[in-house]
Amino acid sequence: MRTHEQTVQSQFDPRAQAYLTSAVHAAGPDLTRARELVGQAVPAAALALDIGCGGGHLSFTLAPHVARMIALDPSPGMLAAVSKAAAAKGLSGIEVRQANAESLPFEDRSFDLVSTRYSAHHWTRLPEAVREVARVLAPGGHALVIDTLGHEDPLVDTFMQSIELLRDPSHVRNRSVAEWRSLLQAAGLAELEHAEWPTRLEFASWVERMHTPADRVAVIRSLQEGAPREVREALEIGPDGSFTIRTGLFWLQREA
């Protein structure tokens, strides 16, 4: 029986190229705002860390604004794709490193910027990972957290978490804004800005990207079709199974 870490690697190693070219991951208003925030507040000489870099889109976006970017991920396949794409883009300041968010292999106060995007919902020990972010961040340094959000309504949230897990067994949980704020505050990370955007997930490409087996796709569609009106309206479930979730951004600063 596999561990969660082994599940993550088996899910993402063979799909690195799919995430590199995914329209959902490669663009979005969250990336635009991330670029603006880092460009305004982080010095050009900064050392940055991108945790759970995935296809590397946040690393690629922020690397031109810092001196050096370490793109970190547990998946060797993802890291190889990021390294190759960074070279093709001429981003010589990006280096890759394999590690998990819950145990960062860096000294205290090492980074001026720590970021993560669309990764935290795979982390099994989120409180420990958030504390690690604060630990490796220099006093006064900035953190950027971007992830899909859990729903405040328990009915909608239970449904959403269920289809996420059916689609991807490496999924752990999307946290709500309230849950995020509690974790971030407890770690000594002060919120400077929060923003949210709707993210439309086209069903066919959503399940294809993860190579979800046909029997699980059928269960997801059955759940969607039988969902109560409150769920269907909250997630804007379309006739083809496409639906809408929310992406949240937290811009933070480590307390001195």
C-alpha atoms as a PDB file:
ATOM      1  CA  MET A   1       0.000   0.000   0.000  1.00  0.00           C
ATOM      2  CA  ARG A   2       1.403   3.371  -1.012  1.00  0.00           C
ATOM      3  CA  THR A   3       2.030   6.334   1.263  1.00  0.00           C
ATOM      4  CA  HIS A   4       0.506   9.720   0.421  1.00  0.00           C
ATOM      5  CA  GLU A   5       3.911  10.944  -0.778  1.00  0.00           C
ATOM      6  CA  GLN A   6       4.144   8.009  -3.163  1.00  0.00           C
ATOM      7  CA  THR A   7       0.605   8.744  -4.383  1.00  0.00           C
ATOM      8  CA  VAL A   8       1.553  12.358  -5.090  1.00  0.00           C
ATOM      9  CA  GLN A   9       4.592  11.322  -7.092  1.00  0.00           C
ATOM     10  CA  SER A  10       2.709   8.667  -9.043  1.00  0.00           C
ATOM     11  CA  GLN A  11      -0.013  11.159  -9.880  1.00  0.00           C
ATOM     12  CA  PHE A  12       2.178  14.052 -10.959  1.00  0.00           C
ATOM     13  CA  ASP A  13       5.410  12.602 -12.352  1.00  0.00           C
ATOM     14  CA  PRO A  14       3.781  11.303 -15.565  1.00  0.00           C
ATOM     15  CA  ARG A  15       1.658  14.459 -15.949  1.00  0.00           C
ATOM     16  CA  ALA A  16       4.282  17.184 -15.712  1.00  0.00           C
ATOM     17  CA  GLN A  17       3.826  18.264 -19.324  1.00  0.00           C
ATOM     18  CA  ALA A  18       0.048  18.471 -18.887  1.00  0.00           C
ATOM     19  CA  TYR A  19       0.465  20.886 -15.982  1.00  0.00           C
ATOM     20  CA  LEU A  20       3.120  22.857 -17.821  1.00  0.00           C
ATOM     21  CA  THR A  21       0.664  23.515 -20.662  1.00  0.00           C
ATOM     22  CA  SER A  22      -2.555  23.687 -18.612  1.00  0.00           C
ATOM     23  CA  ALA A  23      -4.475  26.880 -19.382  1.00  0.00           C
ATOM     24  CA  VAL A  24      -5.900  26.945 -15.831  1.00  0.00           C
ATOM     25  CA  HIS A  25      -2.414  26.906 -14.322  1.00  0.00           C
ATOM     26  CA  ALA A  26      -0.499  28.958 -16.894  1.00  0.00           C
ATOM     27  CA  ALA A  27      -2.562  32.145 -16.577  1.00  0.00           C
ATOM     28  CA  GLY A  28      -5.078  33.907 -14.373  1.00  0.00           C
ATOM     29  CA  PRO A  29      -5.688  37.129 -12.453  1.00  0.00           C
ATOM     30  CA  ASP A  30      -3.918  35.644  -9.429  1.00  0.00           C
ATOM     31  CA  LEU A  31      -0.646  35.489 -11.383  1.00  0.00           C
ATOM     32  CA  THR A  32      -1.111  39.079 -12.537  1.00  0.00           C
ATOM     33  CA  ARG A  33      -1.680  40.272  -8.979  1.00  0.00           C
ATOM     34  CA  ALA A  34       1.223  38.177  -7.678  1.00  0.00           C
ATOM     35  CA  ARG A  35       3.541  39.834 -10.191  1.00  0.00           C
ATOM     36  CA  GLU A  36       2.341  43.289  -9.131  1.00  0.00           C
ATOM     37  CA  LEU A  37       2.715  42.633  -5.409  1.00  0.00           C
ATOM     38  CA  VAL A  38       6.203  41.165  -5.668  1.00  0.00           C
ATOM     39  CA  GLY A  39       7.330  43.884  -8.083  1.00  0.00           C
ATOM     40  CA  GLN A  40       6.159  46.579  -5.673  1.00  0.00           C
ATOM     41  CA  ALA A  41       7.347  45.178  -2.338  1.00  0.00           C
ATOM     42  CA  VAL A  42      10.213  42.716  -2.814  1.00  0.00           C
ATOM     43  CA  PRO A  43      13.761  43.977  -3.536  1.00  0.00           C
ATOM     44  CA  ALA A  44      15.430  42.905  -6.768  1.00  0.00           C
ATOM     45  CA  ALA A  45      18.251  41.280  -4.772  1.00  0.00           C
ATOM     46  CA  ALA A  46      15.789  38.950  -3.019  1.00  0.00           C
ATOM     47  CA  LEU A  47      16.175  35.203  -2.567  1.00  0.00           C
ATOM     48  CA  ALA A  48      12.815  33.486  -3.183  1.00  0.00           C
ATOM     49  CA  LEU A  49      11.352  30.029  -2.635  1.00  0.00           C
ATOM     50  CA  ASP A  50       8.350  28.591  -4.507  1.00  0.00           C
ATOM     51  CA  ILE A  51       6.962  25.588  -2.591  1.00  0.00           C
ATOM     52  CA  GLY A  52       5.115  22.925  -4.556  1.00  0.00           C
ATOM     53  CA  CYS A  53       6.058  24.625  -7.802  1.00  0.00           C
ATOM     54  CA  GLY A  54       4.205  22.096  -9.973  1.00  0.00           C
ATOM     55  CA  GLY A  55       4.456  23.178 -13.599  1.00  0.00           C
ATOM     56  CA  GLY A  56       6.483  26.216 -12.538  1.00  0.00           C
ATOM     57  CA  HIS A  57       4.088  28.987 -13.559  1.00  0.00           C
ATOM     58  CA  LEU A  58       4.437  31.016 -10.371  1.00  0.00           C
ATOM     59  CA  SER A  59       8.227  30.562 -10.435  1.00  0.00           C
ATOM     60  CA  PHE A  60       8.338  31.778 -14.042  1.00  0.00           C
ATOM     61  CA  THR A  61       6.155  34.783 -13.178  1.00  0.00           C
ATOM     62  CA  LEU A  62       8.149  35.926 -10.149  1.00  0.00           C
ATOM     63  CA  ALA A  63      11.710  34.990 -11.162  1.00  0.00           C
ATOM     64  CA  PRO A  64      12.321  38.189 -13.197  1.00  0.00           C
ATOM     65  CA  HIS A  65      11.635  40.257 -10.047  1.00  0.00           C
ATOM     66  CA  VAL A  66      14.126  38.522  -7.726  1.00  0.00           C
ATOM     67  CA  ALA A  67      17.803  37.625  -7.847  1.00  0.00           C
ATOM     68  CA  ARG A  68      17.309  33.892  -7.353  1.00  0.00           C
ATOM     69  CA  MET A  69      14.307  31.580  -7.251  1.00  0.00           C
ATOM     70  CA  ILE A  70      14.334  28.059  -5.835  1.00  0.00           C
ATOM     71  CA  ALA A  71      11.482  25.999  -7.299  1.00  0.00           C
ATOM     72  CA  LEU A  72      10.745  23.173  -4.867  1.00  0.00           C
ATOM     73  CA  ASP A  73       8.500  20.152  -5.396  1.00  0.00           C
ATOM     74  CA  PRO A  74       8.334  16.490  -4.284  1.00  0.00           C
ATOM     75  CA  SER A  75       7.869  15.306  -7.895  1.00  0.00           C
ATOM     76  CA  PRO A  76      11.080  14.694  -9.881  1.00  0.00           C
ATOM     77  CA  GLY A  77       9.069  14.738 -13.099  1.00  0.00           C
ATOM     78  CA  MET A  78       7.693  18.180 -12.365  1.00  0.00           C
ATOM     79  CA  LEU A  79      11.133  19.507 -11.456  1.00  0.00           C
ATOM     80  CA  ALA A  80      12.639  18.192 -14.691  1.00  0.00           C
ATOM     81  CA  ALA A  81       9.884  19.898 -16.705  1.00  0.00           C
ATOM     82  CA  VAL A  82      10.357  23.170 -14.805  1.00  0.00           C
ATOM     83  CA  SER A  83      14.136  23.112 -15.266  1.00  0.00           C
ATOM     84  CA  LYS A  84      13.789  22.520 -19.005  1.00  0.00           C
ATOM     85  CA  ALA A  85      11.126  25.207 -19.427  1.00  0.00           C
ATOM     86  CA  ALA A  86      13.118  27.747 -17.385  1.00  0.00           C
ATOM     87  CA  ALA A  87      16.133  27.224 -19.628  1.00  0.00           C
ATOM     88  CA  ALA A  88      13.952  27.643 -22.716  1.00  0.00           C
ATOM     89  CA  LYS A  89      12.570  30.904 -21.295  1.00  0.00           C
ATOM     90  CA  GLY A  90      16.055  32.189 -20.467  1.00  0.00           C
ATOM     91  CA  LEU A  91      15.297  32.280 -16.730  1.00  0.00           C
ATOM     92  CA  SER A  92      18.771  31.464 -15.454  1.00  0.00           C
ATOM     93  CA  GLY A  93      17.912  32.527 -11.896  1.00  0.00           C
ATOM     94  CA  ILE A  94      15.669  29.494 -11.309  1.00  0.00           C
ATOM     95  CA  GLU A  95      17.054  26.335  -9.712  1.00  0.00           C
ATOM     96  CA  VAL A  96      15.030  23.273  -8.740  1.00  0.00           C
ATOM     97  CA  ARG A  97      15.084  21.295  -5.511  1.00  0.00           C
ATOM     98  CA  GLN A  98      13.187  18.183  -4.419  1.00  0.00           C
ATOM     99  CA  ALA A  99      11.580  18.340  -0.970  1.00  0.00           C
ATOM    100  CA  ASN A 100       8.260  18.438   0.880  1.00  0.00           C
ATOM    101  CA  ALA A 101       6.547  21.518   2.267  1.00  0.00           C
ATOM    102  CA  GLU A 102       6.320  20.089   5.778  1.00  0.00           C
ATOM    103  CA  SER A 103      10.097  19.726   6.128  1.00  0.00           C
ATOM    104  CA  LEU A 104      11.974  22.428   4.239  1.00  0.00           C
ATOM    105  CA  PRO A 105      15.736  21.756   3.894  1.00  0.00           C
ATOM    106  CA  PHE A 106      16.770  25.351   4.562  1.00  0.00           C
ATOM    107  CA  GLU A 107      18.136  27.381   7.457  1.00  0.00           C
ATOM    108  CA  ASP A 108      15.967  29.725   9.503  1.00  0.00           C
ATOM    109  CA  ARG A 109      15.398  33.199   7.990  1.00  0.00           C
ATOM    110  CA  SER A 110      16.863  32.196   4.619  1.00  0.00           C
ATOM    111  CA  PHE A 111      14.383  33.814   2.210  1.00  0.00           C
ATOM    112  CA  ASP A 112      12.995  37.254   1.451  1.00  0.00           C
ATOM    113  CA  LEU A 113       9.978  35.750  -0.331  1.00  0.00           C
ATOM    114  CA  VAL A 114       8.237  32.387   0.087  1.00  0.00           C
ATOM    115  CA  SER A 115       5.384  31.518  -2.258  1.00  0.00           C
ATOM    116  CA  THR A 116       3.098  28.646  -3.151  1.00  0.00           C
ATOM    117  CA  ARG A 117       0.306  28.253  -5.723  1.00  0.00           C
ATOM    118  CA  TYR A 118      -2.239  25.445  -6.219  1.00  0.00           C
ATOM    119  CA  SER A 119      -0.211  23.075  -4.046  1.00  0.00           C
ATOM    120  CA  ALA A 120      -1.329  23.369  -0.419  1.00  0.00           C
ATOM    121  CA  HIS A 121      -4.468  21.277  -0.912  1.00  0.00           C
ATOM    122  CA  HIS A 122      -2.107  18.296  -1.388  1.00  0.00           C
ATOM    123  CA  TRP A 123      -0.220  18.853   1.887  1.00  0.00           C
ATOM    124  CA  THR A 124      -1.028  16.359   4.636  1.00  0.00           C
ATOM    125  CA  ARG A 125       0.266  18.482   7.529  1.00  0.00           C
ATOM    126  CA  LEU A 126      -0.703  22.015   6.625  1.00  0.00           C
ATOM    127  CA  PRO A 127      -0.097  23.614  10.066  1.00  0.00           C
ATOM    128  CA  GLU A 128       3.475  22.266  10.065  1.00  0.00           C
ATOM    129  CA  ALA A 129       4.008  23.468   6.502  1.00  0.00           C
ATOM    130  CA  VAL A 130       2.788  26.983   7.323  1.00  0.00           C
ATOM    131  CA  ARG A 131       5.116  27.084  10.312  1.00  0.00           C
ATOM    132  CA  GLU A 132       7.954  26.024   8.009  1.00  0.00           C
ATOM    133  CA  VAL A 133       7.118  28.922   5.686  1.00  0.00           C
ATOM    134  CA  ALA A 134       7.389  31.325   8.612  1.00  0.00           C
ATOM    135  CA  ARG A 135      10.586  29.675   9.874  1.00  0.00           C
ATOM    136  CA  VAL A 136      12.555  30.058   6.640  1.00  0.00           C
ATOM    137  CA  LEU A 137      11.241  33.582   5.987  1.00  0.00           C
ATOM    138  CA  ALA A 138      13.380  36.514   7.109  1.00  0.00           C
ATOM    139  CA  PRO A 139      11.760  38.990   9.533  1.00  0.00           C
ATOM    140  CA  GLY A 140       9.874  41.513   7.448  1.00  0.00           C
ATOM    141  CA  GLY A 141       9.943  39.148   4.476  1.00  0.00           C
ATOM    142  CA  HIS A 142       6.839  38.407   2.429  1.00  0.00           C
ATOM    143  CA  ALA A 143       4.825  35.241   1.834  1.00  0.00           C
ATOM    144  CA  LEU A 144       2.382  34.629  -1.002  1.00  0.00           C
ATOM    145  CA  VAL A 145      -0.196  31.845  -0.700  1.00  0.00           C
ATOM    146  CA  ILE A 146      -2.494  31.027  -3.617  1.00  0.00           C
ATOM    147  CA  ASP A 147      -4.817  28.022  -3.592  1.00  0.00           C
ATOM    148  CA  THR A 148      -8.292  26.843  -4.424  1.00  0.00           C
ATOM    149  CA  LEU A 149     -10.600  27.514  -1.495  1.00  0.00           C
ATOM    150  CA  GLY A 150     -12.937  25.310   0.471  1.00  0.00           C
ATOM    151  CA  HIS A 151     -16.543  26.444   0.709  1.00  0.00           C
ATOM    152  CA  GLU A 152     -17.957  28.028   3.860  1.00  0.00           C
ATOM    153  CA  ASP A 153     -21.229  26.079   3.445  1.00  0.00           C
ATOM    154  CA  PRO A 154     -20.632  22.533   4.806  1.00  0.00           C
ATOM    155  CA  LEU A 155     -23.019  20.952   2.292  1.00  0.00           C
ATOM    156  CA  VAL A 156     -21.277  22.514  -0.692  1.00  0.00           C
ATOM    157  CA  ASP A 157     -17.838  21.896   0.789  1.00  0.00           C
ATOM    158  CA  THR A 158     -18.472  18.181   1.407  1.00  0.00           C
ATOM    159  CA  PHE A 159     -19.615  17.751  -2.173  1.00  0.00           C
ATOM    160  CA  MET A 160     -16.666  19.693  -3.600  1.00  0.00           C
ATOM    161  CA  GLN A 161     -14.072  17.802  -1.534  1.00  0.00           C
ATOM    162  CA  SER A 162     -15.651  14.504  -2.608  1.00  0.00           C
ATOM    163  CA  ILE A 163     -15.370  15.123  -6.332  1.00  0.00           C
ATOM    164  CA  GLU A 164     -11.851  16.502  -5.897  1.00  0.00           C
ATOM    165  CA  LEU A 165     -10.773  13.267  -4.207  1.00  0.00           C
ATOM    166  CA  LEU A 166     -12.492  11.080  -6.790  1.00  0.00           C
ATOM    167  CA  ARG A 167     -10.706  12.933  -9.534  1.00  0.00           C
ATOM    168  CA  ASP A 168      -7.298  12.964  -7.798  1.00  0.00           C
ATOM    169  CA  PRO A 169      -6.379  10.591  -4.923  1.00  0.00           C
ATOM    170  CA  SER A 170      -3.520  12.896  -3.903  1.00  0.00           C
ATOM    171  CA  HIS A 171      -6.047  15.589  -2.918  1.00  0.00           C
ATOM    172  CA  VAL A 172      -6.192  16.288   0.820  1.00  0.00           C
ATOM    173  CA  ARG A 173      -8.415  19.318   1.393  1.00  0.00           C
ATOM    174  CA  ASN A 174      -9.224  22.801   0.132  1.00  0.00           C
ATOM    175  CA  ARG A 175      -9.244  25.105   3.164  1.00  0.00           C
ATOM    176  CA  SER A 176     -11.731  27.908   3.672  1.00  0.00           C
ATOM    177  CA  VAL A 177     -10.650  31.526   4.079  1.00  0.00           C
ATOM    178  CA  ALA A 178     -11.348  31.308   7.814  1.00  0.00           C
ATOM    179  CA  GLU A 179      -9.187  28.190   8.151  1.00  0.00           C
ATOM    180  CA  TRP A 180      -6.350  29.813   6.221  1.00  0.00           C
ATOM    181  CA  ARG A 181      -6.465  32.970   8.311  1.00  0.00           C
ATOM    182  CA  SER A 182      -6.309  30.995  11.546  1.00  0.00           C
ATOM    183  CA  LEU A 183      -3.273  28.992  10.368  1.00  0.00           C
ATOM    184  CA  LEU A 184      -1.412  31.985   8.965  1.00  0.00           C
ATOM    185  CA  GLN A 185      -1.988  34.153  12.015  1.00  0.00           C
ATOM    186  CA  ALA A 186      -0.882  31.357  14.358  1.00  0.00           C
ATOM    187  CA  ALA A 187       2.410  31.109  12.429  1.00  0.00           C
ATOM    188  CA  GLY A 188       3.127  34.823  12.849  1.00  0.00           C
ATOM    189  CA  LEU A 189       2.275  35.814   9.275  1.00  0.00           C
ATOM    190  CA  ALA A 190       0.358  39.092   9.119  1.00  0.00           C
ATOM    191  CA  GLU A 191      -2.176  39.467   6.301  1.00  0.00           C
ATOM    192  CA  LEU A 192      -1.566  42.496   4.089  1.00  0.00           C
ATOM    193  CA  GLU A 193      -4.015  41.639   1.322  1.00  0.00           C
ATOM    194  CA  HIS A 194      -6.588  39.003   0.432  1.00  0.00           C
ATOM    195  CA  ALA A 195      -8.283  38.564  -2.944  1.00  0.00           C
ATOM    196  CA  GLU A 196     -10.495  35.951  -4.572  1.00  0.00           C
ATOM    197  CA  TRP A 197     -11.432  35.053  -8.130  1.00  0.00           C
ATOM    198  CA  PRO A 198     -13.818  32.517  -9.682  1.00  0.00           C
ATOM    199  CA  THR A 199     -12.017  29.683 -11.469  1.00  0.00           C
ATOM    200  CA  ARG A 200     -14.007  27.793 -14.099  1.00  0.00           C
ATOM    201  CA  LEU A 201     -12.967  24.164 -14.500  1.00  0.00           C
ATOM    202  CA  GLU A 202     -13.831  22.665 -17.879  1.00  0.00           C
ATOM    203  CA  PHE A 203     -14.773  19.105 -17.003  1.00  0.00           C
ATOM    204  CA  ALA A 204     -13.191  17.102 -19.829  1.00  0.00           C
ATOM    205  CA  SER A 205      -9.743  18.691 -19.495  1.00  0.00           C
ATOM    206  CA  TRP A 206     -10.003  18.652 -15.674  1.00  0.00           C
ATOM    207  CA  VAL A 207     -10.302  14.863 -15.508  1.00  0.00           C
ATOM    208  CA  GLU A 208      -8.011  14.248 -18.492  1.00  0.00           C
ATOM    209  CA  ARG A 209      -5.183  16.219 -16.894  1.00  0.00           C
ATOM    210  CA  MET A 210      -5.163  13.707 -14.015  1.00  0.00           C
ATOM    211  CA  HIS A 211      -6.029  10.665 -16.189  1.00  0.00           C
ATOM    212  CA  THR A 212      -8.980   9.971 -13.900  1.00  0.00           C
ATOM    213  CA  PRO A 213     -10.258   6.412 -14.568  1.00  0.00           C
ATOM    214  CA  ALA A 214     -13.574   6.142 -16.409  1.00  0.00           C
ATOM    215  CA  ASP A 215     -15.369   4.528 -13.477  1.00  0.00           C
ATOM    216  CA  ARG A 216     -14.470   7.447 -11.206  1.00  0.00           C
ATOM    217  CA  VAL A 217     -15.467   9.966 -13.877  1.00  0.00           C
ATOM    218  CA  ALA A 218     -18.851   8.237 -13.984  1.00  0.00           C
ATOM    219  CA  VAL A 219     -19.218   8.537 -10.202  1.00  0.00           C
ATOM    220  CA  ILE A 220     -18.335  12.245 -10.319  1.00  0.00           C
ATOM    221  CA  ARG A 221     -20.949  12.854 -13.007  1.00  0.00           C
ATOM    222  CA  SER A 222     -23.517  10.860 -11.026  1.00  0.00           C
ATOM    223  CA  LEU A 223     -22.821  12.968  -7.938  1.00  0.00           C
ATOM    224  CA  GLN A 224     -23.129  16.163  -9.951  1.00  0.00           C
ATOM    225  CA  GLU A 225     -26.389  15.124 -11.553  1.00  0.00           C
ATOM    226  CA  GLY A 226     -27.869  14.136  -8.206  1.00  0.00           C
ATOM    227  CA  ALA A 227     -26.580  17.159  -6.306  1.00  0.00           C
ATOM    228  CA  PRO A 228     -29.136  19.314  -4.483  1.00  0.00           C
ATOM    229  CA  ARG A 229     -30.013  22.685  -5.943  1.00  0.00           C
ATOM    230  CA  GLU A 230     -27.904  24.562  -3.375  1.00  0.00           C
ATOM    231  CA  VAL A 231     -24.788  22.711  -4.509  1.00  0.00           C
ATOM    232  CA  ARG A 232     -25.533  23.026  -8.217  1.00  0.00           C
ATOM    233  CA  GLU A 233     -26.069  26.764  -7.881  1.00  0.00           C
ATOM    234  CA  ALA A 234     -23.051  27.403  -5.619  1.00  0.00           C
ATOM    235  CA  LEU A 235     -20.665  25.523  -7.929  1.00  0.00           C
ATOM    236  CA  GLU A 236     -22.426  26.602 -11.142  1.00  0.00           C
ATOM    237  CA  ILE A 237     -22.435  23.022 -12.429  1.00  0.00           C
ATOM    238  CA  GLY A 238     -23.037  22.947 -16.177  1.00  0.00           C
ATOM    239  CA  PRO A 239     -24.650  20.259 -18.335  1.00  0.00           C
ATOM    240  CA  ASP A 240     -21.212  18.874 -19.287  1.00  0.00           C
ATOM    241  CA  GLY A 241     -19.991  18.740 -15.665  1.00  0.00           C
ATOM    242  CA  SER A 242     -17.905  21.910 -15.823  1.00  0.00           C
ATOM    243  CA  PHE A 243     -18.071  23.873 -12.568  1.00  0.00           C
ATOM    244  CA  THR A 244     -16.693  26.908 -10.762  1.00  0.00           C
ATOM    245  CA  ILE A 245     -14.591  27.088  -7.611  1.00  0.00           C
ATOM    246  CA  ARG A 246     -12.750  30.049  -6.102  1.00  0.00           C
ATOM    247  CA  THR A 247      -9.040  30.808  -6.039  1.00  0.00           C
ATOM    248  CA  GLY A 248      -7.795  32.737  -3.031  1.00  0.00           C
ATOM    249  CA  LEU A 249      -4.641  34.842  -2.657  1.00  0.00           C
ATOM    250  CA  PHE A 250      -3.068  35.827   0.659  1.00  0.00           C
ATOM    251  CA  TRP A 251      -0.255  38.392   0.692  1.00  0.00           C
ATOM    252  CA  LEU A 252       1.557  38.235   4.018  1.00  0.00           C
ATOM    253  CA  GLN A 253       4.510  39.538   5.963  1.00  0.00           C
ATOM    254  CA  ARG A 254       6.467  37.816   8.696  1.00  0.00           C
ATOM    255  CA  GLU A 255       6.315  39.673  11.960  1.00  0.00           C
ATOM    256  CA  ALA A 256       9.666  40.903  13.219  1.00  0.00           C
END
